[in-house]
PDB file of N, CA and C in Angstrom:
ATOM      1  N   MET A   1      80.747  82.863 164.294  1.00  0.00           N
ATOM      2  CA  MET A   1      79.682  82.200 164.503  1.00  0.00           C
ATOM      3  C   MET A   1      78.210  83.202 163.943  1.00  0.00           C
ATOM      4  N   ARG A   2      78.319  84.630 164.500  1.00  0.00           N
ATOM      5  CA  ARG A   2      77.686  85.787 163.859  1.00  0.00           C
ATOM      6  C   ARG A   2      77.248  85.327 162.277  1.00  0.00           C
ATOM      7  N   SER A   3      78.746  85.030 161.581  1.00  0.00           N
ATOM      8  CA  SER A   3      78.340  85.711 160.013  1.00  0.00           C
ATOM      9  C   SER A   3      77.973  83.958 159.664  1.00  0.00           C
ATOM     10  N   PHE A   4      77.781  82.872 160.338  1.00  0.00           N
ATOM     11  CA  PHE A   4      76.964  81.828 159.416  1.00  0.00           C
ATOM     12  C   PHE A   4      75.255  82.580 160.116  1.00  0.00           C
ATOM     13  N   PHE A   5      75.307  82.839 161.245  1.00  0.00           N
ATOM     14  CA  PHE A   5      73.940  82.817 160.952  1.00  0.00           C
ATOM     15  C   PHE A   5      73.283  84.135 160.329  1.00  0.00           C
ATOM     16  N   LEU A   6      74.265  84.736 159.829  1.00  0.00           N
ATOM     17  CA  LEU A   6      73.514  85.660 158.697  1.00  0.00           C
ATOM     18  C   LEU A   6      73.341  85.410 157.458  1.00  0.00           C
ATOM     19  N   VAL A   7      74.216  84.197 157.603  1.00  0.00           N
ATOM     20  CA  VAL A   7      74.483  83.598 156.180  1.00  0.00           C
ATOM     21  C   VAL A   7      73.609  83.001 155.765  1.00  0.00           C
ATOM     22  N   LEU A   8      73.042  81.830 157.087  1.00  0.00           N
ATOM     23  CA  LEU A   8      71.622  81.337 156.864  1.00  0.00           C
ATOM     24  C   LEU A   8      70.425  81.870 156.658  1.00  0.00           C
ATOM     25  N   ALA A   9      70.520  83.094 157.765  1.00  0.00           N
ATOM     26  CA  ALA A   9      69.202  83.779 157.770  1.00  0.00           C
ATOM     27  C   ALA A   9      69.045  84.297 156.199  1.00  0.00           C
ATOM     28  N   TRP A  10      69.656  84.963 155.589  1.00  0.00           N
ATOM     29  CA  TRP A  10      69.808  85.635 154.018  1.00  0.00           C
ATOM     30  C   TRP A  10      69.929  84.506 152.865  1.00  0.00           C
ATOM     31  N   SER A  11      69.929  83.441 153.234  1.00  0.00           N
ATOM     32  CA  SER A  11      69.714  82.182 151.705  1.00  0.00           C
ATOM     33  C   SER A  11      68.114  82.212 152.624  1.00  0.00           C
ATOM     34  N   CYS A  12      67.797  82.347 153.985  1.00  0.00           N
ATOM     35  CA  CYS A  12      66.360  81.482 153.850  1.00  0.00           C
ATOM     36  C   CYS A  12      65.623  82.506 153.396  1.00  0.00           C
ATOM     37  N   VAL A  13      65.637  84.003 153.226  1.00  0.00           N
ATOM     38  CA  VAL A  13      65.365  84.952 152.890  1.00  0.00           C
ATOM     39  C   VAL A  13      64.801  84.853 151.393  1.00  0.00           C
ATOM     40  N   VAL A  14      66.368  84.907 150.815  1.00  0.00           N
ATOM     41  CA  VAL A  14      66.124  84.568 149.559  1.00  0.00           C
ATOM     42  C   VAL A  14      65.612  83.354 148.763  1.00  0.00           C
ATOM     43  N   GLY A  15      65.490  82.434 149.362  1.00  0.00           N
ATOM     44  CA  GLY A  15      64.706  81.391 149.343  1.00  0.00           C
ATOM     45  C   GLY A  15      63.708  81.401 149.471  1.00  0.00           C
ATOM     46  N   SER A  16      63.150  82.128 150.262  1.00  0.00           N
ATOM     47  CA  SER A  16      61.569  82.322 150.565  1.00  0.00           C
ATOM     48  C   SER A  16      61.006  82.815 149.499  1.00  0.00           C
ATOM     49  N   VAL A  17      61.721  83.544 149.274  1.00  0.00           N
ATOM     50  CA  VAL A  17      60.836  84.648 147.690  1.00  0.00           C
ATOM     51  C   VAL A  17      61.450  83.880 146.728  1.00  0.00           C
ATOM     52  N   VAL A  18      62.039  82.879 146.432  1.00  0.00           N
ATOM     53  CA  VAL A  18      62.375  82.436 144.986  1.00  0.00           C
ATOM     54  C   VAL A  18      60.979  81.245 144.828  1.00  0.00           C
ATOM     55  N   ASP A  19      61.265  80.749 145.717  1.00  0.00           N
ATOM     56  CA  ASP A  19      59.992  79.464 146.122  1.00  0.00           C
ATOM     57  C   ASP A  19      59.088  80.293 146.260  1.00  0.00           C
ATOM     58  N   GLY A  20      58.501  81.935 146.599  1.00  0.00           N
ATOM     59  CA  GLY A  20      57.140  82.480 146.486  1.00  0.00           C
ATOM     60  C   GLY A  20      56.840  82.621 144.887  1.00  0.00           C
ATOM     61  N   VAL A  21      57.692  82.980 144.109  1.00  0.00           N
ATOM     62  CA  VAL A  21      57.481  83.076 142.952  1.00  0.00           C
ATOM     63  C   VAL A  21      57.527  81.656 142.244  1.00  0.00           C
ATOM     64  N   LEU A  22      57.866  80.835 142.348  1.00  0.00           N
ATOM     65  CA  LEU A  22      58.172  79.442 142.068  1.00  0.00           C
ATOM     66  C   LEU A  22      56.545  79.062 142.664  1.00  0.00           C
ATOM     67  N   LEU A  23      55.987  79.395 143.590  1.00  0.00           N
ATOM     68  CA  LEU A  23      54.125  79.289 144.013  1.00  0.00           C
ATOM     69  C   LEU A  23      53.178  79.971 143.154  1.00  0.00           C
ATOM     70  N   LEU A  24      54.104  81.293 142.868  1.00  0.00           N
ATOM     71  CA  LEU A  24      52.754  81.815 141.893  1.00  0.00           C
ATOM     72  C   LEU A  24      52.915  81.149 140.954  1.00  0.00           C
ATOM     73  N   TYR A  25      53.800  80.874 139.733  1.00  0.00           N
ATOM     74  CA  TYR A  25      54.057  80.112 139.016  1.00  0.00           C
ATOM     75  C   TYR A  25      53.032  79.110 138.754  1.00  0.00           C
ATOM     76  N   ALA A  26      52.896  78.245 140.253  1.00  0.00           N
ATOM     77  CA  ALA A  26      52.478  77.069 139.651  1.00  0.00           C
ATOM     78  C   ALA A  26      50.784  77.470 139.852  1.00  0.00           C
ATOM     79  N   VAL A  27      50.547  78.199 140.281  1.00  0.00           N
ATOM     80  CA  VAL A  27      49.257  78.734 140.773  1.00  0.00           C
ATOM     81  C   VAL A  27      49.118  79.440 139.298  1.00  0.00           C
ATOM     82  N   TRP A  28      49.846  80.222 138.753  1.00  0.00           N
ATOM     83  CA  TRP A  28      49.508  80.746 137.773  1.00  0.00           C
ATOM     84  C   TRP A  28      49.361  79.698 136.177  1.00  0.00           C
ATOM     85  N   ILE A  29      49.711  78.529 136.347  1.00  0.00           N
ATOM     86  CA  ILE A  29      49.714  77.587 135.431  1.00  0.00           C
ATOM     87  C   ILE A  29      48.271  76.665 135.616  1.00  0.00           C
ATOM     88  N   ASN A  30      48.464  76.527 136.914  1.00  0.00           N
ATOM     89  CA  ASN A  30      46.738  75.839 137.466  1.00  0.00           C
ATOM     90  C   ASN A  30      45.989  76.806 136.718  1.00  0.00           C
ATOM     91  N   PHE A  31      46.001  78.024 137.091  1.00  0.00           N
ATOM     92  CA  PHE A  31      44.555  78.847 136.545  1.00  0.00           C
ATOM     93  C   PHE A  31      44.157  79.278 134.985  1.00  0.00           C
ATOM     94  N   LEU A  32      45.399  78.874 134.397  1.00  0.00           N
ATOM     95  CA  LEU A  32      45.642  79.031 132.556  1.00  0.00           C
ATOM     96  C   LEU A  32      45.149  77.338 132.421  1.00  0.00           C
ATOM     97  N   HIS A  33      45.075  76.126 133.217  1.00  0.00           N
ATOM     98  CA  HIS A  33      44.595  74.894 132.814  1.00  0.00           C
ATOM     99  C   HIS A  33      43.415  74.691 133.011  1.00  0.00           C
ATOM    100  N   ASP A  34      42.819  75.308 133.646  1.00  0.00           N
ATOM    101  CA  ASP A  34      41.420  75.198 134.581  1.00  0.00           C
ATOM    102  C   ASP A  34      41.487  74.482 135.754  1.00  0.00           C
ATOM    103  N   TRP A  35      42.729  74.862 136.529  1.00  0.00           N
ATOM    104  CA  TRP A  35      42.827  74.142 137.875  1.00  0.00           C
ATOM    105  C   TRP A  35      42.839  72.062 137.782  1.00  0.00           C
ATOM    106  N   LEU A  36      43.532  71.979 136.592  1.00  0.00           N
ATOM    107  CA  LEU A  36      43.818  70.638 135.960  1.00  0.00           C
ATOM    108  C   LEU A  36      44.544  69.723 136.608  1.00  0.00           C
ATOM    109  N   LEU A  37      45.732  70.640 137.183  1.00  0.00           N
ATOM    110  CA  LEU A  37      46.815  70.478 137.350  1.00  0.00           C
ATOM    111  C   LEU A  37      47.196  70.975 139.089  1.00  0.00           C
ATOM    112  N   LEU A  38      46.152  70.744 140.008  1.00  0.00           N
ATOM    113  CA  LEU A  38      46.195  71.105 141.292  1.00  0.00           C
ATOM    114  C   LEU A  38      47.245  70.247 141.612  1.00  0.00           C
ATOM    115  N   CYS A  39      47.520  68.729 141.680  1.00  0.00           N
ATOM    116  CA  CYS A  39      48.647  67.695 142.270  1.00  0.00           C
ATOM    117  C   CYS A  39      49.517  67.553 141.766  1.00  0.00           C
ATOM    118  N   ILE A  40      50.255  69.022 140.436  1.00  0.00           N
ATOM    119  CA  ILE A  40      51.234  68.367 139.814  1.00  0.00           C
ATOM    120  C   ILE A  40      52.326  68.424 141.021  1.00  0.00           C
ATOM    121  N   SER A  41      53.555  67.228 140.672  1.00  0.00           N
ATOM    122  CA  SER A  41      54.303  67.070 141.676  1.00  0.00           C
ATOM    123  C   SER A  41      55.447  67.970 141.455  1.00  0.00           C
ATOM    124  N   ILE A  42      56.252  68.326 142.107  1.00  0.00           N
ATOM    125  CA  ILE A  42      57.992  68.943 142.118  1.00  0.00           C
ATOM    126  C   ILE A  42      58.586  68.435 140.787  1.00  0.00           C
ATOM    127  N   ASN A  43      58.337  67.275 140.619  1.00  0.00           N
ATOM    128  CA  ASN A  43      59.391  66.719 139.301  1.00  0.00           C
ATOM    129  C   ASN A  43      59.015  67.319 138.261  1.00  0.00           C
ATOM    130  N   ASP A  44      57.276  67.298 138.445  1.00  0.00           N
ATOM    131  CA  ASP A  44      56.657  67.611 136.834  1.00  0.00           C
ATOM    132  C   ASP A  44      56.521  69.008 136.645  1.00  0.00           C
ATOM    133  N   PHE A  45      56.610  69.658 137.396  1.00  0.00           N
ATOM    134  CA  PHE A  45      56.859  71.206 137.710  1.00  0.00           C
ATOM    135  C   PHE A  45      57.777  71.634 137.026  1.00  0.00           C
ATOM    136  N   LEU A  46      58.875  71.315 137.908  1.00  0.00           N
ATOM    137  CA  LEU A  46      60.458  71.493 137.224  1.00  0.00           C
ATOM    138  C   LEU A  46      60.918  71.028 135.863  1.00  0.00           C
ATOM    139  N   ARG A  47      60.434  69.597 135.851  1.00  0.00           N
ATOM    140  CA  ARG A  47      60.901  69.278 134.305  1.00  0.00           C
ATOM    141  C   ARG A  47      59.614  69.759 133.286  1.00  0.00           C
ATOM    142  N   ASP A  48      58.602  69.978 133.629  1.00  0.00           N
ATOM    143  CA  ASP A  48      57.925  70.944 132.366  1.00  0.00           C
ATOM    144  C   ASP A  48      57.983  72.302 132.746  1.00  0.00           C
ATOM    145  N   TYR A  49      57.975  72.803 133.308  1.00  0.00           N
ATOM    146  CA  TYR A  49      57.723  74.037 133.522  1.00  0.00           C
ATOM    147  C   TYR A  49      58.840  75.341 133.674  1.00  0.00           C
ATOM    148  N   MET A  50      59.698  74.561 134.340  1.00  0.00           N
ATOM    149  CA  MET A  50      60.870  75.025 134.619  1.00  0.00           C
ATOM    150  C   MET A  50      62.349  74.600 134.834  1.00  0.00           C
ATOM    151  N   GLN A  51      62.501  73.961 133.358  1.00  0.00           N
ATOM    152  CA  GLN A  51      63.713  73.387 133.150  1.00  0.00           C
ATOM    153  C   GLN A  51      64.823  74.085 132.990  1.00  0.00           C
ATOM    154  N   PRO A  52      65.493  75.081 133.196  1.00  0.00           N
ATOM    155  CA  PRO A  52      66.187  75.496 133.959  1.00  0.00           C
ATOM    156  C   PRO A  52      66.844  75.298 135.098  1.00  0.00           C
ATOM    157  N   LEU A  53      65.753  75.042 136.378  1.00  0.00           N
ATOM    158  CA  LEU A  53      65.664  74.567 137.747  1.00  0.00           C
ATOM    159  C   LEU A  53      65.819  73.130 138.189  1.00  0.00           C
ATOM    160  N   PHE A  54      65.706  72.051 136.498  1.00  0.00           N
ATOM    161  CA  PHE A  54      65.768  70.849 136.893  1.00  0.00           C
ATOM    162  C   PHE A  54      66.862  70.601 137.915  1.00  0.00           C
ATOM    163  N   TRP A  55      68.174  70.938 137.252  1.00  0.00           N
ATOM    164  CA  TRP A  55      69.377  70.467 137.596  1.00  0.00           C
ATOM    165  C   TRP A  55      69.418  69.892 139.402  1.00  0.00           C
ATOM    166  N   VAL A  56      68.153  70.818 140.472  1.00  0.00           N
ATOM    167  CA  VAL A  56      68.263  70.696 141.669  1.00  0.00           C
ATOM    168  C   VAL A  56      68.181  69.212 142.189  1.00  0.00           C
ATOM    169  N   LYS A  57      67.708  68.493 141.219  1.00  0.00           N
ATOM    170  CA  LYS A  57      66.972  67.233 141.191  1.00  0.00           C
ATOM    171  C   LYS A  57      68.436  66.256 141.459  1.00  0.00           C
ATOM    172  N   GLN A  58      69.244  66.285 140.640  1.00  0.00           N
ATOM    173  CA  GLN A  58      70.457  65.919 140.557  1.00  0.00           C
ATOM    174  C   GLN A  58      71.287  66.380 141.707  1.00  0.00           C
ATOM    175  N   VAL A  59      71.137  67.567 142.459  1.00  0.00           N
ATOM    176  CA  VAL A  59      71.810  67.931 143.681  1.00  0.00           C
ATOM    177  C   VAL A  59      71.271  67.196 144.720  1.00  0.00           C
ATOM    178  N   ALA A  60      70.002  67.022 144.959  1.00  0.00           N
ATOM    179  CA  ALA A  60      69.410  66.330 145.728  1.00  0.00           C
ATOM    180  C   ALA A  60      69.618  64.911 145.752  1.00  0.00           C
ATOM    181  N   PHE A  61      70.104  64.397 144.782  1.00  0.00           N
ATOM    182  CA  PHE A  61      70.293  62.807 144.696  1.00  0.00           C
ATOM    183  C   PHE A  61      71.775  62.492 145.152  1.00  0.00           C
ATOM    184  N   LEU A  62      72.830  63.790 145.223  1.00  0.00           N
ATOM    185  CA  LEU A  62      74.370  63.926 145.659  1.00  0.00           C
ATOM    186  C   LEU A  62      74.100  63.987 146.943  1.00  0.00           C
ATOM    187  N   VAL A  63      73.065  64.778 147.776  1.00  0.00           N
ATOM    188  CA  VAL A  63      73.224  65.131 149.259  1.00  0.00           C
ATOM    189  C   VAL A  63      72.291  64.561 149.906  1.00  0.00           C
ATOM    190  N   LEU A  64      71.456  63.613 149.641  1.00  0.00           N
ATOM    191  CA  LEU A  64      70.133  63.187 150.339  1.00  0.00           C
ATOM    192  C   LEU A  64      70.141  61.321 149.718  1.00  0.00           C
ATOM    193  N   PRO A  65      69.465  60.743 150.488  1.00  0.00           N
ATOM    194  CA  PRO A  65      69.268  59.270 150.152  1.00  0.00           C
ATOM    195  C   PRO A  65      68.189  59.517 149.077  1.00  0.00           C
ATOM    196  N   GLU A  66      68.411  58.194 148.178  1.00  0.00           N
ATOM    197  CA  GLU A  66      67.664  58.093 147.467  1.00  0.00           C
ATOM    198  C   GLU A  66      65.759  58.241 147.508  1.00  0.00           C
ATOM    199  N   SER A  67      65.707  57.389 148.303  1.00  0.00           N
ATOM    200  CA  SER A  67      64.283  57.435 148.821  1.00  0.00           C
ATOM    201  C   SER A  67      63.724  59.232 149.254  1.00  0.00           C
ATOM    202  N   MET A  68      64.718  59.918 150.067  1.00  0.00           N
ATOM    203  CA  MET A  68      63.984  61.108 150.359  1.00  0.00           C
ATOM    204  C   MET A  68      63.752  61.852 148.857  1.00  0.00           C
ATOM    205  N   VAL A  69      64.745  61.259 148.406  1.00  0.00           N
ATOM    206  CA  VAL A  69      64.343  62.778 147.346  1.00  0.00           C
ATOM    207  C   VAL A  69      63.502  62.103 146.062  1.00  0.00           C
ATOM    208  N   LEU A  70      63.188  60.635 145.938  1.00  0.00           N
ATOM    209  CA  LEU A  70      62.071  60.381 145.175  1.00  0.00           C
ATOM    210  C   LEU A  70      60.798  61.083 145.830  1.00  0.00           C
ATOM    211  N   TRP A  71      60.840  60.544 147.316  1.00  0.00           N
ATOM    212  CA  TRP A  71      59.377  61.499 148.150  1.00  0.00           C
ATOM    213  C   TRP A  71      58.880  63.057 147.918  1.00  0.00           C
ATOM    214  N   LEU A  72      60.536  63.566 148.439  1.00  0.00           N
ATOM    215  CA  LEU A  72      60.443  64.882 147.819  1.00  0.00           C
ATOM    216  C   LEU A  72      59.692  65.481 146.673  1.00  0.00           C
ATOM    217  N   PHE A  73      60.409  64.771 145.648  1.00  0.00           N
ATOM    218  CA  PHE A  73      60.001  64.928 144.536  1.00  0.00           C
ATOM    219  C   PHE A  73      58.897  64.668 143.897  1.00  0.00           C
ATOM    220  N   ASN A  74      57.964  63.866 144.174  1.00  0.00           N
ATOM    221  CA  ASN A  74      56.438  63.406 144.068  1.00  0.00           C
ATOM    222  C   ASN A  74      55.528  64.023 144.930  1.00  0.00           C
ATOM    223  N   LEU A  75      55.638  64.988 146.049  1.00  0.00           N
ATOM    224  CA  LEU A  75      55.097  66.100 146.939  1.00  0.00           C
ATOM    225  C   LEU A  75      54.321  66.645 145.246  1.00  0.00           C
ATOM    226  N   PRO A  76      53.137  67.301 146.307  1.00  0.00           N
ATOM    227  CA  PRO A  76      52.448  68.279 145.194  1.00  0.00           C
ATOM    228  C   PRO A  76      53.198  69.666 145.523  1.00  0.00           C
ATOM    229  N   ALA A  77      53.533  70.206 144.076  1.00  0.00           N
ATOM    230  CA  ALA A  77      53.834  71.589 144.332  1.00  0.00           C
ATOM    231  C   ALA A  77      53.327  72.814 144.803  1.00  0.00           C
ATOM    232  N   LEU A  78      52.087  72.875 145.181  1.00  0.00           N
ATOM    233  CA  LEU A  78      51.213  73.494 145.507  1.00  0.00           C
ATOM    234  C   LEU A  78      51.285  73.274 147.067  1.00  0.00           C
ATOM    235  N   LEU A  79      51.358  72.451 147.760  1.00  0.00           N
ATOM    236  CA  LEU A  79      51.501  71.899 148.790  1.00  0.00           C
ATOM    237  C   LEU A  79      52.867  72.467 149.599  1.00  0.00           C
ATOM    238  N   TYR A  80      54.039  71.625 148.602  1.00  0.00           N
ATOM    239  CA  TYR A  80      55.463  71.951 149.222  1.00  0.00           C
ATOM    240  C   TYR A  80      55.732  73.434 149.190  1.00  0.00           C
ATOM    241  N   PHE A  81      55.450  74.224 148.288  1.00  0.00           N
ATOM    242  CA  PHE A  81      56.252  75.284 148.399  1.00  0.00           C
ATOM    243  C   PHE A  81      55.848  76.161 149.374  1.00  0.00           C
ATOM    244  N   PRO A  82      54.288  76.362 149.624  1.00  0.00           N
ATOM    245  CA  PRO A  82      54.085  76.964 151.090  1.00  0.00           C
ATOM    246  C   PRO A  82      54.283  76.427 152.546  1.00  0.00           C
ATOM    247  N   VAL A  83      54.275  75.282 152.390  1.00  0.00           N
ATOM    248  CA  VAL A  83      55.605  74.692 153.745  1.00  0.00           C
ATOM    249  C   VAL A  83      57.063  75.244 153.642  1.00  0.00           C
ATOM    250  N   ARG A  84      57.309  75.265 152.700  1.00  0.00           N
ATOM    251  CA  ARG A  84      58.591  75.720 152.670  1.00  0.00           C
ATOM    252  C   ARG A  84      58.888  77.271 152.747  1.00  0.00           C
ATOM    253  N   ILE A  85      58.107  78.068 152.451  1.00  0.00           N
ATOM    254  CA  ILE A  85      58.247  79.410 152.541  1.00  0.00           C
ATOM    255  C   ILE A  85      58.022  79.883 153.760  1.00  0.00           C
ATOM    256  N   ILE A  86      56.913  79.162 154.453  1.00  0.00           N
ATOM    257  CA  ILE A  86      57.037  79.015 155.964  1.00  0.00           C
ATOM    258  C   ILE A  86      57.526  78.564 157.003  1.00  0.00           C
ATOM    259  N   THR A  87      58.655  77.590 156.353  1.00  0.00           N
ATOM    260  CA  THR A  87      59.591  76.711 157.764  1.00  0.00           C
ATOM    261  C   THR A  87      61.199  77.645 156.964  1.00  0.00           C
ATOM    262  N   SER A  88      60.830  78.551 155.789  1.00  0.00           N
ATOM    263  CA  SER A  88      62.650  78.633 155.527  1.00  0.00           C
ATOM    264  C   SER A  88      62.671  80.171 156.108  1.00  0.00           C
ATOM    265  N   THR A  89      61.292  80.571 156.431  1.00  0.00           N
ATOM    266  CA  THR A  89      61.189  82.090 156.948  1.00  0.00           C
ATOM    267  C   THR A  89      61.197  81.836 158.317  1.00  0.00           C
ATOM    268  N   MET A  90      60.900  80.866 159.124  1.00  0.00           N
ATOM    269  CA  MET A  90      60.645  80.332 160.501  1.00  0.00           C
ATOM    270  C   MET A  90      62.354  80.700 161.125  1.00  0.00           C
ATOM    271  N   ILE A  91      63.231  79.239 160.009  1.00  0.00           N
ATOM    272  CA  ILE A  91      64.365  79.531 160.292  1.00  0.00           C
ATOM    273  C   ILE A  91      65.088  80.610 160.058  1.00  0.00           C
ATOM    274  N   GLY A  92      64.897  81.455 159.226  1.00  0.00           N
ATOM    275  CA  GLY A  92      65.673  82.747 158.807  1.00  0.00           C
ATOM    276  C   GLY A  92      65.209  83.641 160.303  1.00  0.00           C
ATOM    277  N   TYR A  93      64.191  83.799 160.204  1.00  0.00           N
ATOM    278  CA  TYR A  93      63.994  84.972 161.360  1.00  0.00           C
ATOM    279  C   TYR A  93      64.519  84.420 162.713  1.00  0.00           C
ATOM    280  N   TRP A  94      64.625  83.389 163.396  1.00  0.00           N
ATOM    281  CA  TRP A  94      65.336  82.627 164.029  1.00  0.00           C
ATOM    282  C   TRP A  94      67.042  82.879 164.109  1.00  0.00           C
ATOM    283  N   ALA A  95      67.857  82.884 162.931  1.00  0.00           N
ATOM    284  CA  ALA A  95      68.678  83.062 162.908  1.00  0.00           C
ATOM    285  C   ALA A  95      69.003  84.598 162.948  1.00  0.00           C
ATOM    286  N   LEU A  96      68.401  85.032 162.091  1.00  0.00           N
ATOM    287  CA  LEU A  96      68.774  86.985 162.398  1.00  0.00           C
ATOM    288  C   LEU A  96      68.438  86.956 163.957  1.00  0.00           C
ATOM    289  N   SER A  97      67.802  86.464 164.744  1.00  0.00           N
ATOM    290  CA  SER A  97      67.512  87.044 165.950  1.00  0.00           C
ATOM    291  C   SER A  97      68.243  86.317 166.874  1.00  0.00           C
ATOM    292  N   ARG A  98      69.124  85.292 166.300  1.00  0.00           N
ATOM    293  CA  ARG A  98      70.286  85.092 166.983  1.00  0.00           C
ATOM    294  C   ARG A  98      71.691  85.364 166.545  1.00  0.00           C
ATOM    295  N   ALA A  99      71.708  86.089 165.586  1.00  0.00           N
ATOM    296  CA  ALA A  99      72.803  86.765 164.573  1.00  0.00           C
ATOM    297  C   ALA A  99      72.766  88.509 165.773  1.00  0.00           C
ATOM    298  N   ALA A 100      71.831  88.855 165.803  1.00  0.00           N
ATOM    299  CA  ALA A 100      71.334  90.117 166.224  1.00  0.00           C
ATOM    300  C   ALA A 100      72.120  90.281 167.963  1.00  0.00           C
ATOM    301  N   GLU A 101      71.407  88.789 169.134  1.00  0.00           N
ATOM    302  CA  GLU A 101      71.494  88.830 169.608  1.00  0.00           C
ATOM    303  C   GLU A 101      73.456  88.639 169.964  1.00  0.00           C
ATOM    304  N   MET A 102      74.262  87.947 169.263  1.00  0.00           N
ATOM    305  CA  MET A 102      75.639  87.920 169.142  1.00  0.00           C
ATOM    306  C   MET A 102      76.330  89.106 169.020  1.00  0.00           C
ATOM    307  N   SER A 103      75.136  90.175 168.304  1.00  0.00           N
ATOM    308  CA  SER A 103      76.192  91.287 167.838  1.00  0.00           C
ATOM    309  C   SER A 103      75.879  92.217 169.133  1.00  0.00           C
ATOM    310  N   LYS A 104      75.272  92.014 169.973  1.00  0.00           N
ATOM    311  CA  LYS A 104      74.452  92.553 171.207  1.00  0.00           C
ATOM    312  C   LYS A 104      76.097  92.527 172.136  1.00  0.00           C
ATOM    313  N   HIS A 105      76.152  91.213 172.268  1.00  0.00           N
ATOM    314  CA  HIS A 105      77.498  90.774 173.719  1.00  0.00           C
ATOM    315  C   HIS A 105      78.430  90.756 172.679  1.00  0.00           C
ATOM    316  N   SER A 106      78.787  91.513 171.545  1.00  0.00           N
ATOM    317  CA  SER A 106      80.167  91.704 171.110  1.00  0.00           C
ATOM    318  C   SER A 106      81.183  92.623 171.427  1.00  0.00           C
TER     319      SER A 106
END
């Protein structure tokens, strides 16, 4: 079970870093376009600026209900990424705490 928490924690940490890079890139794109793309959706951001990551949408359709995927990918990228970073960091910290607690009891 400790291994599960460690994998969860580190995937959250890595995911937060990737999301942070994507957020910085989205901010940079907005800066270059005089802040005209403040409400760019995740779908448009991935489709227009991050083509190599657009496959994530197809995976989302496989694992989530269609209505949820459509809602999620229509969220503004500049809102979604900070929320995801904070949430993922909290989950990662919790998982690392659980793993550390388990190693003390072993």
